[in-house]
């Protein structure tokens, strides 16, 4: 009995720890799904007026807005891609509102071949969401200014480059000449939620640990017979 006591305690302790981690991830999954539901409801709410100048765009992330105005012809291109289409760019344009403000407008996607096509100033009525993408990390390359290629939507840096307010609106629908730019609406689909996969991993490890413990105890018993 003494020979199996320590492996038994070790096995049961490991199983308990792994199961606890799995249940913790399930609780995290419930928490994350609640947050995603709140974000989805905020994204799809009726559009509001553009917040006043100086408002915190990061705090207002996902707020639906409707804004009318005109593009200036100035735009930045963020390298990206779309499934079934291939590589391309997200078009971030300087946008002058009807009351004279300059903001960033994420007009949407263009294929790689359309990068250098002319997109002169055009009047647009945009329904979308205020956005503050969290895409820039320590490993994000600096933008290639000469070729006008960016690798993340960095609101402060892009606002400085286009001399606009640090406020970005991501278009959901656009009335006016699209000029080949396809809106890419904000959705919760791009927000990572891997907690279920993590839970399955911990529960699977608990099963493996239980199997290994059972096999070890079986081996010990056989030696004592």
C-alpha atoms as a PDB file:
ATOM      1  CA  UNK A   1       0.000   0.000   0.000  1.00  0.00           C
ATOM      2  CA  UNK A   2       2.850   2.364   0.820  1.00  0.00           C
ATOM      3  CA  UNK A   3       4.330   1.882  -2.666  1.00  0.00           C
ATOM      4  CA  UNK A   4       1.182   3.106  -4.401  1.00  0.00           C
ATOM      5  CA  UNK A   5       0.308   5.891  -1.957  1.00  0.00           C
ATOM      6  CA  UNK A   6       2.651   8.540  -3.367  1.00  0.00           C
ATOM      7  CA  UNK A   7       1.818   7.842  -7.074  1.00  0.00           C
ATOM      8  CA  UNK A   8      -1.882   7.835  -6.154  1.00  0.00           C
ATOM      9  CA  UNK A   9      -1.660  11.201  -4.383  1.00  0.00           C
ATOM     10  CA  UNK A  10       0.413  12.631  -7.242  1.00  0.00           C
ATOM     11  CA  UNK A  11      -2.031  11.318  -9.812  1.00  0.00           C
ATOM     12  CA  UNK A  12      -5.155  12.554  -8.055  1.00  0.00           C
ATOM     13  CA  UNK A  13      -3.541  15.933  -7.364  1.00  0.00           C
ATOM     14  CA  UNK A  14      -2.556  16.365 -11.013  1.00  0.00           C
ATOM     15  CA  UNK A  15      -6.031  15.374 -12.204  1.00  0.00           C
ATOM     16  CA  UNK A  16      -7.633  17.833  -9.785  1.00  0.00           C
ATOM     17  CA  UNK A  17      -5.373  20.675 -10.926  1.00  0.00           C
ATOM     18  CA  UNK A  18      -5.974  19.991 -14.626  1.00  0.00           C
ATOM     19  CA  UNK A  19      -9.739  19.686 -14.162  1.00  0.00           C
ATOM     20  CA  UNK A  20      -9.779  22.923 -12.181  1.00  0.00           C
ATOM     21  CA  UNK A  21      -7.940  24.669 -15.037  1.00  0.00           C
ATOM     22  CA  UNK A  22     -10.483  23.306 -17.499  1.00  0.00           C
ATOM     23  CA  UNK A  23     -13.442  24.553 -15.461  1.00  0.00           C
ATOM     24  CA  UNK A  24     -11.700  27.910 -15.035  1.00  0.00           C
ATOM     25  CA  UNK A  25     -11.473  28.221 -18.819  1.00  0.00           C
ATOM     26  CA  UNK A  26     -15.187  27.427 -19.089  1.00  0.00           C
ATOM     27  CA  UNK A  27     -15.896  30.273 -16.678  1.00  0.00           C
ATOM     28  CA  UNK A  28     -13.644  32.493 -18.788  1.00  0.00           C
ATOM     29  CA  UNK A  29     -15.595  31.378 -21.879  1.00  0.00           C
ATOM     30  CA  UNK A  30     -18.864  32.464 -20.288  1.00  0.00           C
ATOM     31  CA  UNK A  31     -17.300  35.815 -19.340  1.00  0.00           C
ATOM     32  CA  UNK A  32     -15.897  36.364 -22.855  1.00  0.00           C
ATOM     33  CA  UNK A  33     -19.190  35.460 -24.540  1.00  0.00           C
ATOM     34  CA  UNK A  34     -20.946  38.024 -22.360  1.00  0.00           C
ATOM     35  CA  UNK A  35     -18.449  40.690 -23.414  1.00  0.00           C
ATOM     36  CA  UNK A  36     -18.827  39.753 -27.086  1.00  0.00           C
ATOM     37  CA  UNK A  37     -22.610  39.960 -26.817  1.00  0.00           C
ATOM     38  CA  UNK A  38     -22.304  43.443 -25.296  1.00  0.00           C
ATOM     39  CA  UNK A  39     -19.913  44.548 -28.058  1.00  0.00           C
ATOM     40  CA  UNK A  40     -22.174  43.111 -30.780  1.00  0.00           C
ATOM     41  CA  UNK A  41     -25.166  44.971 -29.361  1.00  0.00           C
ATOM     42  CA  UNK A  42     -23.150  48.191 -29.269  1.00  0.00           C
ATOM     43  CA  UNK A  43     -21.939  47.755 -32.854  1.00  0.00           C
ATOM     44  CA  UNK A  44     -25.484  47.211 -34.166  1.00  0.00           C
ATOM     45  CA  UNK A  45     -27.132  50.010 -32.164  1.00  0.00           C
ATOM     46  CA  UNK A  46     -28.730  52.947 -34.031  1.00  0.00           C
ATOM     47  CA  UNK A  47     -26.067  55.384 -35.303  1.00  0.00           C
ATOM     48  CA  UNK A  48     -25.383  58.581 -33.400  1.00  0.00           C
ATOM     49  CA  UNK A  49     -23.863  61.895 -34.391  1.00  0.00           C
ATOM     50  CA  UNK A  50     -20.109  62.157 -34.471  1.00  0.00           C
ATOM     51  CA  UNK A  51     -18.802  62.894 -30.953  1.00  0.00           C
ATOM     52  CA  UNK A  52     -17.448  66.390 -30.334  1.00  0.00           C
ATOM     53  CA  UNK A  53     -13.891  67.283 -31.264  1.00  0.00           C
ATOM     54  CA  UNK A  54     -11.414  66.123 -28.625  1.00  0.00           C
ATOM     55  CA  UNK A  55     -13.483  63.112 -27.590  1.00  0.00           C
ATOM     56  CA  UNK A  56     -11.546  59.983 -26.621  1.00  0.00           C
ATOM     57  CA  UNK A  57     -11.798  57.706 -29.628  1.00  0.00           C
ATOM     58  CA  UNK A  58     -10.384  54.749 -27.712  1.00  0.00           C
ATOM     59  CA  UNK A  59     -13.079  55.026 -25.035  1.00  0.00           C
ATOM     60  CA  UNK A  60     -15.750  55.350 -27.758  1.00  0.00           C
ATOM     61  CA  UNK A  61     -14.635  52.236 -29.639  1.00  0.00           C
ATOM     62  CA  UNK A  62     -17.509  50.468 -31.454  1.00  0.00           C
ATOM     63  CA  UNK A  63     -19.891  53.435 -31.083  1.00  0.00           C
ATOM     64  CA  UNK A  64     -22.123  53.546 -34.200  1.00  0.00           C
ATOM     65  CA  UNK A  65     -22.126  56.898 -35.998  1.00  0.00           C
ATOM     66  CA  UNK A  66     -23.366  58.486 -39.182  1.00  0.00           C
ATOM     67  CA  UNK A  67     -21.316  61.206 -40.819  1.00  0.00           C
ATOM     68  CA  UNK A  68     -21.560  63.087 -44.111  1.00  0.00           C
ATOM     69  CA  UNK A  69     -18.720  64.822 -45.854  1.00  0.00           C
ATOM     70  CA  UNK A  70     -16.069  64.457 -48.496  1.00  0.00           C
ATOM     71  CA  UNK A  71     -12.834  62.564 -48.927  1.00  0.00           C
ATOM     72  CA  UNK A  72      -9.772  64.675 -49.728  1.00  0.00           C
ATOM     73  CA  UNK A  73      -7.964  62.260 -52.024  1.00  0.00           C
ATOM     74  CA  UNK A  74      -5.334  61.669 -49.316  1.00  0.00           C
ATOM     75  CA  UNK A  75      -5.207  58.105 -48.105  1.00  0.00           C
ATOM     76  CA  UNK A  76      -3.004  55.524 -46.418  1.00  0.00           C
ATOM     77  CA  UNK A  77      -2.873  51.862 -47.352  1.00  0.00           C
ATOM     78  CA  UNK A  78      -2.605  49.079 -44.770  1.00  0.00           C
ATOM     79  CA  UNK A  79      -1.433  45.725 -46.077  1.00  0.00           C
ATOM     80  CA  UNK A  80      -4.058  43.044 -45.532  1.00  0.00           C
ATOM     81  CA  UNK A  81      -5.932  40.314 -47.367  1.00  0.00           C
ATOM     82  CA  UNK A  82      -9.354  38.754 -47.740  1.00  0.00           C
ATOM     83  CA  UNK A  83     -10.279  35.116 -47.995  1.00  0.00           C
ATOM     84  CA  UNK A  84     -11.288  34.236 -51.519  1.00  0.00           C
ATOM     85  CA  UNK A  85      -9.907  37.522 -52.876  1.00  0.00           C
ATOM     86  CA  UNK A  86      -6.229  37.546 -51.985  1.00  0.00           C
ATOM     87  CA  UNK A  87      -3.838  40.260 -50.857  1.00  0.00           C
ATOM     88  CA  UNK A  88      -4.828  43.885 -50.842  1.00  0.00           C
ATOM     89  CA  UNK A  89      -5.040  47.007 -48.732  1.00  0.00           C
ATOM     90  CA  UNK A  90      -7.318  48.671 -46.211  1.00  0.00           C
ATOM     91  CA  UNK A  91      -7.894  52.249 -47.360  1.00  0.00           C
ATOM     92  CA  UNK A  92      -7.639  54.822 -44.559  1.00  0.00           C
ATOM     93  CA  UNK A  93      -8.692  58.190 -45.990  1.00  0.00           C
ATOM     94  CA  UNK A  94      -8.718  61.740 -44.724  1.00  0.00           C
ATOM     95  CA  UNK A  95     -12.369  62.762 -44.508  1.00  0.00           C
ATOM     96  CA  UNK A  96     -13.730  66.291 -44.145  1.00  0.00           C
ATOM     97  CA  UNK A  97     -17.123  66.373 -42.462  1.00  0.00           C
ATOM     98  CA  UNK A  98     -19.880  68.745 -43.487  1.00  0.00           C
ATOM     99  CA  UNK A  99     -19.065  70.960 -40.494  1.00  0.00           C
ATOM    100  CA  UNK A 100     -15.378  71.216 -41.403  1.00  0.00           C
ATOM    101  CA  UNK A 101     -13.718  68.591 -39.217  1.00  0.00           C
ATOM    102  CA  UNK A 102     -11.016  66.254 -40.507  1.00  0.00           C
ATOM    103  CA  UNK A 103     -11.166  62.640 -39.326  1.00  0.00           C
ATOM    104  CA  UNK A 104      -9.884  59.251 -40.444  1.00  0.00           C
ATOM    105  CA  UNK A 105     -12.249  57.114 -42.505  1.00  0.00           C
ATOM    106  CA  UNK A 106     -11.551  53.409 -42.903  1.00  0.00           C
ATOM    107  CA  UNK A 107     -13.258  53.058 -46.262  1.00  0.00           C
ATOM    108  CA  UNK A 108     -12.603  49.332 -46.591  1.00  0.00           C
ATOM    109  CA  UNK A 109     -10.723  46.913 -48.841  1.00  0.00           C
ATOM    110  CA  UNK A 110      -9.163  47.185 -52.276  1.00  0.00           C
ATOM    111  CA  UNK A 111      -7.297  44.409 -54.092  1.00  0.00           C
ATOM    112  CA  UNK A 112      -3.565  44.751 -54.573  1.00  0.00           C
ATOM    113  CA  UNK A 113      -4.002  45.729 -58.236  1.00  0.00           C
ATOM    114  CA  UNK A 114      -6.127  48.750 -57.288  1.00  0.00           C
ATOM    115  CA  UNK A 115      -3.593  50.347 -54.954  1.00  0.00           C
ATOM    116  CA  UNK A 116      -2.426  53.034 -57.347  1.00  0.00           C
ATOM    117  CA  UNK A 117      -5.732  53.680 -59.086  1.00  0.00           C
ATOM    118  CA  UNK A 118      -6.910  57.302 -58.744  1.00  0.00           C
ATOM    119  CA  UNK A 119      -9.552  57.967 -56.099  1.00  0.00           C
ATOM    120  CA  UNK A 120     -10.235  61.705 -56.306  1.00  0.00           C
ATOM    121  CA  UNK A 121     -12.286  63.552 -53.646  1.00  0.00           C
ATOM    122  CA  UNK A 122     -15.879  62.331 -53.463  1.00  0.00           C
ATOM    123  CA  UNK A 123     -18.962  63.145 -51.377  1.00  0.00           C
ATOM    124  CA  UNK A 124     -19.986  60.304 -49.071  1.00  0.00           C
ATOM    125  CA  UNK A 125     -22.649  59.641 -46.473  1.00  0.00           C
ATOM    126  CA  UNK A 126     -21.151  57.049 -44.149  1.00  0.00           C
ATOM    127  CA  UNK A 127     -22.693  54.823 -41.518  1.00  0.00           C
ATOM    128  CA  UNK A 128     -20.096  53.020 -39.453  1.00  0.00           C
ATOM    129  CA  UNK A 129     -18.455  52.612 -36.086  1.00  0.00           C
ATOM    130  CA  UNK A 130     -15.754  54.481 -34.251  1.00  0.00           C
ATOM    131  CA  UNK A 131     -12.738  52.213 -34.159  1.00  0.00           C
ATOM    132  CA  UNK A 132      -9.443  52.108 -32.299  1.00  0.00           C
ATOM    133  CA  UNK A 133      -7.729  48.944 -33.583  1.00  0.00           C
ATOM    134  CA  UNK A 134      -5.300  47.245 -31.235  1.00  0.00           C
ATOM    135  CA  UNK A 135      -3.016  45.991 -33.972  1.00  0.00           C
ATOM    136  CA  UNK A 136       0.369  47.565 -33.296  1.00  0.00           C
ATOM    137  CA  UNK A 137       2.852  45.426 -31.340  1.00  0.00           C
ATOM    138  CA  UNK A 138       6.573  45.534 -30.698  1.00  0.00           C
ATOM    139  CA  UNK A 139       7.092  43.342 -33.779  1.00  0.00           C
ATOM    140  CA  UNK A 140       5.000  45.479 -36.152  1.00  0.00           C
ATOM    141  CA  UNK A 141       7.249  46.937 -38.883  1.00  0.00           C
ATOM    142  CA  UNK A 142       7.368  50.682 -39.289  1.00  0.00           C
ATOM    143  CA  UNK A 143       5.291  51.944 -42.227  1.00  0.00           C
ATOM    144  CA  UNK A 144       6.974  52.201 -45.605  1.00  0.00           C
ATOM    145  CA  UNK A 145       6.228  55.876 -46.166  1.00  0.00           C
ATOM    146  CA  UNK A 146       7.766  55.951 -49.632  1.00  0.00           C
ATOM    147  CA  UNK A 147       5.499  53.198 -50.930  1.00  0.00           C
ATOM    148  CA  UNK A 148       2.577  54.206 -48.685  1.00  0.00           C
ATOM    149  CA  UNK A 149       2.316  50.775 -47.078  1.00  0.00           C
ATOM    150  CA  UNK A 150       1.325  50.436 -43.446  1.00  0.00           C
ATOM    151  CA  UNK A 151       1.242  47.214 -41.455  1.00  0.00           C
ATOM    152  CA  UNK A 152      -1.276  48.159 -38.759  1.00  0.00           C
ATOM    153  CA  UNK A 153      -3.977  50.737 -38.205  1.00  0.00           C
ATOM    154  CA  UNK A 154      -2.252  53.047 -35.740  1.00  0.00           C
ATOM    155  CA  UNK A 155      -4.783  55.825 -35.156  1.00  0.00           C
ATOM    156  CA  UNK A 156      -2.447  58.471 -33.652  1.00  0.00           C
ATOM    157  CA  UNK A 157       0.278  57.876 -36.256  1.00  0.00           C
ATOM    158  CA  UNK A 158      -2.158  57.843 -39.154  1.00  0.00           C
ATOM    159  CA  UNK A 159      -3.886  60.978 -37.874  1.00  0.00           C
ATOM    160  CA  UNK A 160      -0.521  62.731 -37.725  1.00  0.00           C
ATOM    161  CA  UNK A 161       0.333  61.584 -41.251  1.00  0.00           C
ATOM    162  CA  UNK A 162      -2.959  62.849 -42.705  1.00  0.00           C
ATOM    163  CA  UNK A 163      -3.286  65.841 -40.363  1.00  0.00           C
ATOM    164  CA  UNK A 164      -6.652  64.772 -38.949  1.00  0.00           C
ATOM    165  CA  UNK A 165      -8.170  64.318 -35.525  1.00  0.00           C
ATOM    166  CA  UNK A 166      -7.165  61.011 -33.879  1.00  0.00           C
ATOM    167  CA  UNK A 167     -10.639  59.670 -34.577  1.00  0.00           C
ATOM    168  CA  UNK A 168     -11.318  56.784 -36.963  1.00  0.00           C
ATOM    169  CA  UNK A 169     -14.676  55.720 -38.352  1.00  0.00           C
ATOM    170  CA  UNK A 170     -14.820  52.279 -39.977  1.00  0.00           C
ATOM    171  CA  UNK A 171     -17.440  52.297 -42.711  1.00  0.00           C
ATOM    172  CA  UNK A 172     -20.314  49.833 -42.531  1.00  0.00           C
ATOM    173  CA  UNK A 173     -22.319  51.216 -45.437  1.00  0.00           C
ATOM    174  CA  UNK A 174     -21.604  54.113 -47.789  1.00  0.00           C
ATOM    175  CA  UNK A 175     -23.898  56.247 -49.932  1.00  0.00           C
ATOM    176  CA  UNK A 176     -21.908  57.745 -52.781  1.00  0.00           C
ATOM    177  CA  UNK A 177     -19.293  56.632 -55.263  1.00  0.00           C
ATOM    178  CA  UNK A 178     -17.495  53.657 -53.755  1.00  0.00           C
ATOM    179  CA  UNK A 179     -14.564  53.967 -56.188  1.00  0.00           C
ATOM    180  CA  UNK A 180     -13.977  50.235 -55.926  1.00  0.00           C
ATOM    181  CA  UNK A 181     -13.483  50.261 -52.155  1.00  0.00           C
ATOM    182  CA  UNK A 182     -15.505  47.555 -50.369  1.00  0.00           C
ATOM    183  CA  UNK A 183     -16.490  48.401 -46.765  1.00  0.00           C
ATOM    184  CA  UNK A 184     -15.305  45.943 -44.128  1.00  0.00           C
ATOM    185  CA  UNK A 185     -17.743  46.404 -41.218  1.00  0.00           C
ATOM    186  CA  UNK A 186     -16.552  45.901 -37.676  1.00  0.00           C
ATOM    187  CA  UNK A 187     -17.811  42.670 -36.120  1.00  0.00           C
ATOM    188  CA  UNK A 188     -17.025  40.459 -33.150  1.00  0.00           C
ATOM    189  CA  UNK A 189     -15.780  37.718 -35.489  1.00  0.00           C
ATOM    190  CA  UNK A 190     -12.279  39.152 -35.413  1.00  0.00           C
ATOM    191  CA  UNK A 191     -12.087  39.124 -31.613  1.00  0.00           C
ATOM    192  CA  UNK A 192     -10.262  36.058 -30.333  1.00  0.00           C
ATOM    193  CA  UNK A 193     -12.155  33.684 -28.085  1.00  0.00           C
ATOM    194  CA  UNK A 194     -10.082  30.533 -27.563  1.00  0.00           C
ATOM    195  CA  UNK A 195     -11.297  29.632 -24.084  1.00  0.00           C
ATOM    196  CA  UNK A 196     -13.274  26.583 -25.241  1.00  0.00           C
ATOM    197  CA  UNK A 197     -10.195  25.192 -26.983  1.00  0.00           C
ATOM    198  CA  UNK A 198      -8.141  25.808 -23.854  1.00  0.00           C
ATOM    199  CA  UNK A 199     -10.763  24.047 -21.729  1.00  0.00           C
ATOM    200  CA  UNK A 200     -10.768  21.026 -24.041  1.00  0.00           C
ATOM    201  CA  UNK A 201      -6.967  20.931 -23.854  1.00  0.00           C
ATOM    202  CA  UNK A 202      -6.941  20.929 -20.029  1.00  0.00           C
ATOM    203  CA  UNK A 203      -9.670  18.276 -19.828  1.00  0.00           C
ATOM    204  CA  UNK A 204      -7.790  16.139 -22.364  1.00  0.00           C
ATOM    205  CA  UNK A 205      -4.600  16.449 -20.324  1.00  0.00           C
ATOM    206  CA  UNK A 206      -6.578  15.441 -17.226  1.00  0.00           C
ATOM    207  CA  UNK A 207      -7.737  12.328 -19.080  1.00  0.00           C
ATOM    208  CA  UNK A 208      -4.186  11.521 -20.172  1.00  0.00           C
ATOM    209  CA  UNK A 209      -2.891  12.088 -16.629  1.00  0.00           C
ATOM    210  CA  UNK A 210      -5.599   9.790 -15.261  1.00  0.00           C
ATOM    211  CA  UNK A 211      -4.678   7.105 -17.789  1.00  0.00           C
ATOM    212  CA  UNK A 212      -0.970   7.379 -16.980  1.00  0.00           C
ATOM    213  CA  UNK A 213      -1.719   7.248 -13.249  1.00  0.00           C
ATOM    214  CA  UNK A 214      -3.877   4.164 -13.686  1.00  0.00           C
ATOM    215  CA  UNK A 215      -1.200   2.452 -15.775  1.00  0.00           C
ATOM    216  CA  UNK A 216       1.503   3.282 -13.217  1.00  0.00           C
ATOM    217  CA  UNK A 217      -0.579   1.915 -10.346  1.00  0.00           C
ATOM    218  CA  UNK A 218      -1.295  -1.224 -12.363  1.00  0.00           C
ATOM    219  CA  UNK A 219       2.445  -1.745 -12.942  1.00  0.00           C
ATOM    220  CA  UNK A 220       3.199  -1.253  -9.258  1.00  0.00           C
ATOM    221  CA  UNK A 221       0.518  -3.764  -8.220  1.00  0.00           C
ATOM    222  CA  UNK A 222       1.848  -6.337 -10.649  1.00  0.00           C
ATOM    223  CA  UNK A 223       5.330  -6.020  -9.161  1.00  0.00           C
ATOM    224  CA  UNK A 224       3.968  -6.629  -5.687  1.00  0.00           C
ATOM    225  CA  UNK A 225       2.051  -9.774  -6.636  1.00  0.00           C
END
